[in-house]
Amino acid sequence: MLRFFNDGREKKYKNEDISIDLNNIPKHIAIIMDGNGRWAKERNLPRVIGHKAGVETIREIVKECSILKVKYLTLYAFSTENWKRPKDEVSALMNILAEYLKKEFKELDDNNVIINYIGDISRLPNICQKELVACHKNTEDNTGLTLNLALNYGGRDEITRAFKLIYEDIKSKKINEEDINENMIANYMYTKGMPDPDLIIRPSGEQRLSNFLLWQCAYSEFWYSNIKWPDFRKEHLYKAIFDYQNRDRRFGGVK
């Protein structure tokens, strides 16, 4: 059973196996939502059913992150490489995205969530672009969880884009070559103004980044699980946070 308690000294979450410190919650959690297709295949269902089941998991995890006061949640929804998938699957994914934004907007807004996106959305269908822009505009003044949907996103593509923007600004004399440093480069990323992810979660058994947040992940903690995304539940999120809180983060230094 999941429960919270406050003993007067520290707020914690406990169940039979774990206890997490609510004063040490990651500010930014990023998740590679993997395993939808394999989840469906195991059940002899079309892959699109797996993607629809994955949306239910998104709903639960966004809710839990809001409860925990996580400030940023970045979900890897569609990569620059995912265009290689069959056209009918890509089309279905785009329809699921538009449907999710329409159905979930009010609840997300009511819960003070900021709906944001990272990646080059210009290649997405017009309906998806319009929904994303409208959702962001109508929630940008909220003050709760920022939900980043990574769409047509790739880490290498993001870094290449940053190089081009820096080059243009040097050429137009907005900045000088001497101004280039890590902080300045970070301001040319899609995640400008956001902290790097403290914790990156990947369900489904794969243990790779798959071109996700390559610049930002330099000192992220990684958490892998064999559980496929449609079966990922809040208990798994809490276990990932528990493991995160019990790691020694030194950022290259010595404690």
Protein backbone atom coordinates (compact mmCIF):
# COMPACT_ATOMS: atom_id res chain seq x y z
CA MET A 1 0.00 0.00 0.00
CA LEU A 2 1.25 3.50 -0.85
CA ARG A 3 1.06 6.14 1.85
CA PHE A 4 2.63 9.41 2.89
CA PHE A 5 3.48 10.49 6.39
CA ASN A 6 4.99 13.45 8.17
CA ASP A 7 6.70 12.70 11.48
CA GLY A 8 7.32 16.38 12.23
CA ARG A 9 10.92 16.21 11.05
CA GLU A 10 10.73 14.93 7.51
CA LYS A 11 8.09 14.02 5.00
CA LYS A 12 8.35 10.52 3.58
CA TYR A 13 6.56 8.05 1.40
CA LYS A 14 6.49 4.43 2.55
CA ASN A 15 5.26 1.05 1.51
CA GLU A 16 6.34 -2.38 2.65
CA ASP A 17 9.66 -2.24 0.79
CA ILE A 18 10.82 1.33 0.37
CA SER A 19 10.82 4.73 2.00
CA ILE A 20 11.60 7.90 0.03
CA ASP A 21 12.40 11.36 1.29
CA LEU A 22 9.90 13.85 -0.11
CA ASN A 23 12.44 16.62 0.47
CA ASN A 24 14.87 14.98 -1.97
CA ILE A 25 12.70 14.44 -5.04
CA PRO A 26 14.45 14.81 -8.44
CA LYS A 27 13.69 18.20 -9.96
CA HIS A 28 13.72 16.75 -13.48
CA ILE A 29 12.76 13.19 -14.42
CA ALA A 30 13.04 12.02 -18.03
CA ILE A 31 11.51 8.80 -19.31
CA ILE A 32 12.13 6.81 -22.49
CA MET A 33 8.68 5.29 -22.94
CA ASP A 34 9.72 1.95 -24.42
CA GLY A 35 8.06 -1.39 -24.97
CA ASN A 36 4.57 -0.52 -26.25
CA GLY A 37 4.90 -2.58 -29.42
CA ARG A 38 6.38 -5.62 -27.69
CA TRP A 39 3.71 -5.40 -24.98
CA ALA A 40 1.04 -5.63 -27.70
CA LYS A 41 2.85 -8.42 -29.57
CA GLU A 42 2.99 -10.56 -26.42
CA ARG A 43 -0.81 -10.31 -26.33
CA ASN A 44 -1.28 -10.91 -30.05
CA LEU A 45 -2.61 -7.38 -30.43
CA PRO A 46 -1.80 -4.69 -33.04
CA ARG A 47 1.10 -2.42 -32.07
CA VAL A 48 -1.24 0.59 -31.97
CA ILE A 49 -3.06 -1.00 -29.02
CA GLY A 50 0.23 -0.98 -27.15
CA HIS A 51 0.66 2.72 -27.84
CA LYS A 52 -2.88 3.42 -26.60
CA ALA A 53 -2.17 1.44 -23.45
CA GLY A 54 0.96 3.52 -22.99
CA VAL A 55 -1.18 6.67 -22.85
CA GLU A 56 -2.88 5.33 -19.72
CA THR A 57 0.55 5.00 -18.12
CA ILE A 58 1.35 8.60 -19.06
CA ARG A 59 -1.78 9.72 -17.26
CA GLU A 60 -0.81 7.91 -14.05
CA ILE A 61 2.85 8.98 -14.05
CA VAL A 62 2.06 12.65 -14.76
CA LYS A 63 -0.38 12.61 -11.86
CA GLU A 64 2.16 11.07 -9.49
CA CYS A 65 4.91 13.47 -10.51
CA SER A 66 2.55 16.36 -9.78
CA ILE A 67 1.81 14.92 -6.34
CA LEU A 68 5.52 14.53 -5.63
CA LYS A 69 6.22 18.13 -6.73
CA VAL A 70 8.56 17.07 -9.51
CA LYS A 71 9.22 20.27 -11.44
CA TYR A 72 9.96 18.82 -14.91
CA LEU A 73 8.90 15.56 -16.53
CA THR A 74 10.25 14.90 -20.04
CA LEU A 75 8.68 12.04 -21.99
CA TYR A 76 10.38 10.69 -25.11
CA ALA A 77 7.29 10.31 -27.28
CA PHE A 78 8.58 10.30 -30.88
CA SER A 79 12.17 10.40 -32.05
CA THR A 80 13.72 11.72 -35.25
CA GLU A 81 14.36 8.06 -36.11
CA ASN A 82 10.78 6.93 -35.55
CA TRP A 83 9.80 8.14 -39.03
CA LYS A 84 11.41 4.91 -40.26
CA ARG A 85 8.51 2.94 -38.80
CA PRO A 86 5.61 1.75 -41.02
CA LYS A 87 3.47 4.65 -42.23
CA ASP A 88 0.29 3.28 -40.66
CA GLU A 89 1.98 3.08 -37.25
CA VAL A 90 3.34 6.63 -37.55
CA SER A 91 -0.10 7.88 -38.57
CA ALA A 92 -1.68 6.10 -35.62
CA LEU A 93 0.88 7.63 -33.25
CA MET A 94 0.08 11.12 -34.53
CA ASN A 95 -3.64 10.50 -34.07
CA ILE A 96 -3.04 9.26 -30.52
CA LEU A 97 -1.01 12.40 -29.79
CA ALA A 98 -3.74 14.76 -31.03
CA GLU A 99 -6.39 12.78 -29.16
CA TYR A 100 -4.33 12.81 -25.94
CA LEU A 101 -3.89 16.58 -26.03
CA LYS A 102 -7.59 17.17 -26.67
CA LYS A 103 -8.78 14.78 -23.97
CA GLU A 104 -6.22 15.56 -21.29
CA PHE A 105 -5.84 19.32 -21.68
CA LYS A 106 -8.51 20.35 -19.18
CA GLU A 107 -7.37 17.97 -16.45
CA LEU A 108 -3.73 18.91 -16.93
CA ASP A 109 -4.60 22.61 -16.85
CA ASP A 110 -6.81 22.16 -13.79
CA ASN A 111 -3.85 20.48 -12.07
CA ASN A 112 -1.59 23.44 -12.83
CA VAL A 113 0.54 21.49 -15.36
CA ILE A 114 2.47 23.37 -18.04
CA ILE A 115 2.28 21.51 -21.36
CA ASN A 116 5.51 22.00 -23.29
CA TYR A 117 7.23 20.31 -26.21
CA ILE A 118 10.82 19.86 -27.33
CA GLY A 119 11.96 18.87 -30.80
CA ASP A 120 11.24 20.05 -34.32
CA ILE A 121 7.45 19.84 -34.47
CA SER A 122 7.30 21.42 -37.96
CA ARG A 123 7.29 17.95 -39.51
CA LEU A 124 4.28 16.78 -37.48
CA PRO A 125 0.77 16.89 -38.97
CA ASN A 126 -0.86 20.34 -38.76
CA ILE A 127 -3.44 19.15 -36.23
CA CYS A 128 -0.69 18.01 -33.87
CA GLN A 129 1.21 21.27 -34.26
CA LYS A 130 -1.91 23.33 -33.56
CA GLU A 131 -2.82 21.30 -30.49
CA LEU A 132 0.71 21.51 -29.09
CA VAL A 133 1.01 25.25 -29.62
CA ALA A 134 -2.47 25.91 -28.20
CA CYS A 135 -1.89 23.68 -25.15
CA HIS A 136 1.39 25.39 -24.40
CA LYS A 137 0.00 28.88 -24.83
CA ASN A 138 -2.98 28.13 -22.59
CA THR A 139 -0.91 26.57 -19.79
CA GLU A 140 2.35 28.55 -19.88
CA ASP A 141 1.31 30.65 -16.88
CA ASN A 142 0.69 27.61 -14.70
CA THR A 143 3.16 27.04 -11.89
CA GLY A 144 3.14 23.28 -11.34
CA LEU A 145 4.79 20.42 -13.19
CA THR A 146 6.22 21.18 -16.64
CA LEU A 147 5.39 18.27 -18.94
CA ASN A 148 7.86 18.18 -21.83
CA LEU A 149 6.73 16.05 -24.74
CA ALA A 150 9.77 15.17 -26.86
CA LEU A 151 8.38 14.96 -30.41
CA ASN A 152 10.43 14.56 -33.57
CA TYR A 153 13.27 14.92 -31.10
CA GLY A 154 16.81 13.61 -31.38
CA GLY A 155 19.81 14.53 -29.25
CA ARG A 156 22.17 14.83 -32.21
CA ASP A 157 19.61 16.86 -34.14
CA GLU A 158 19.26 19.20 -31.16
CA ILE A 159 23.03 19.71 -30.88
CA THR A 160 23.34 20.27 -34.64
CA ARG A 161 20.55 22.85 -34.44
CA ALA A 162 22.36 24.59 -31.56
CA PHE A 163 25.59 24.80 -33.60
CA LYS A 164 23.72 26.38 -36.50
CA LEU A 165 22.02 28.94 -34.25
CA ILE A 166 25.31 29.83 -32.58
CA TYR A 167 26.96 30.23 -35.98
CA GLU A 168 24.18 32.56 -37.15
CA ASP A 169 24.47 34.66 -33.99
CA ILE A 170 28.26 34.91 -34.38
CA LYS A 171 27.85 35.87 -38.02
CA SER A 172 25.34 38.59 -37.11
CA LYS A 173 27.63 39.70 -34.26
CA LYS A 174 25.03 39.01 -31.57
CA ILE A 175 27.69 37.01 -29.77
CA ASN A 176 31.46 36.63 -29.99
CA GLU A 177 33.42 33.39 -30.32
CA GLU A 178 34.89 34.11 -26.88
CA ASP A 179 31.38 33.97 -25.40
CA ILE A 180 31.01 30.27 -26.16
CA ASN A 181 30.99 28.09 -23.05
CA GLU A 182 28.83 25.30 -21.62
CA ASN A 183 26.24 27.63 -20.12
CA MET A 184 25.87 29.55 -23.35
CA ILE A 185 25.50 26.37 -25.42
CA ALA A 186 22.83 25.13 -23.00
CA ASN A 187 20.81 28.23 -23.82
CA TYR A 188 20.60 27.09 -27.44
CA MET A 189 19.08 23.73 -26.51
CA TYR A 190 15.34 23.03 -26.50
CA THR A 191 15.60 22.71 -22.71
CA LYS A 192 16.82 26.27 -22.23
CA GLY A 193 16.14 27.45 -18.69
CA MET A 194 15.48 23.93 -17.37
CA PRO A 195 17.75 21.89 -15.12
CA ASP A 196 19.36 18.82 -16.65
CA PRO A 197 17.52 15.59 -15.83
CA ASP A 198 18.48 14.20 -12.45
CA LEU A 199 16.99 10.81 -13.28
CA ILE A 200 16.45 9.08 -16.63
CA ILE A 201 14.15 6.05 -16.57
CA ARG A 202 13.94 3.43 -19.31
CA PRO A 203 11.53 0.52 -18.98
CA SER A 204 11.33 -2.53 -21.30
CA GLY A 205 14.77 -4.03 -20.66
CA GLU A 206 16.80 -1.97 -23.12
CA GLN A 207 19.83 -0.17 -21.67
CA ARG A 208 20.70 2.64 -24.06
CA LEU A 209 19.85 6.31 -24.52
CA SER A 210 18.59 6.05 -28.10
CA ASN A 211 19.62 9.61 -28.96
CA PHE A 212 17.77 11.13 -25.98
CA LEU A 213 18.99 14.29 -24.23
CA LEU A 214 22.62 13.65 -25.16
CA TRP A 215 23.83 17.09 -24.06
CA GLN A 216 21.75 17.17 -20.89
CA CYS A 217 22.46 13.67 -19.54
CA ALA A 218 26.12 14.23 -18.60
CA TYR A 219 25.48 13.60 -14.89
CA SER A 220 22.04 12.04 -14.94
CA GLU A 221 21.34 8.91 -12.93
CA PHE A 222 19.96 6.04 -15.02
CA TRP A 223 17.32 3.54 -13.94
CA TYR A 224 16.41 0.54 -16.09
CA SER A 225 13.60 -1.95 -15.72
CA ASN A 226 12.35 -5.00 -17.65
CA ILE A 227 8.78 -3.75 -17.22
CA LYS A 228 7.31 -2.55 -20.49
CA TRP A 229 5.87 0.96 -20.51
CA PRO A 230 2.15 -0.01 -20.55
CA ASP A 231 2.78 -2.01 -17.33
CA PHE A 232 4.82 0.75 -15.66
CA ARG A 233 3.01 1.97 -12.54
CA LYS A 234 3.52 4.53 -9.80
CA GLU A 235 5.16 1.84 -7.65
CA HIS A 236 7.93 1.56 -10.25
CA LEU A 237 8.32 5.34 -10.32
CA TYR A 238 8.74 5.34 -6.55
CA LYS A 239 11.26 2.51 -6.73
CA ALA A 240 13.28 4.50 -9.30
CA ILE A 241 13.23 7.55 -7.03
CA PHE A 242 14.18 5.41 -4.02
CA ASP A 243 17.20 4.05 -5.90
CA TYR A 244 18.10 7.55 -7.04
CA GLN A 245 18.05 8.83 -3.46
CA ASN A 246 20.38 6.04 -2.37
CA ARG A 247 23.09 6.80 -4.93
CA ASP A 248 26.18 8.89 -4.27
CA ARG A 249 26.10 11.77 -6.74
CA ARG A 250 29.56 13.35 -6.87
CA PHE A 251 29.46 15.13 -10.28
CA GLY A 252 33.10 14.22 -10.91
CA GLY A 253 34.27 15.31 -7.48
CA VAL A 254 35.00 13.50 -4.23
CA LYS A 255 32.92 13.51 -1.08
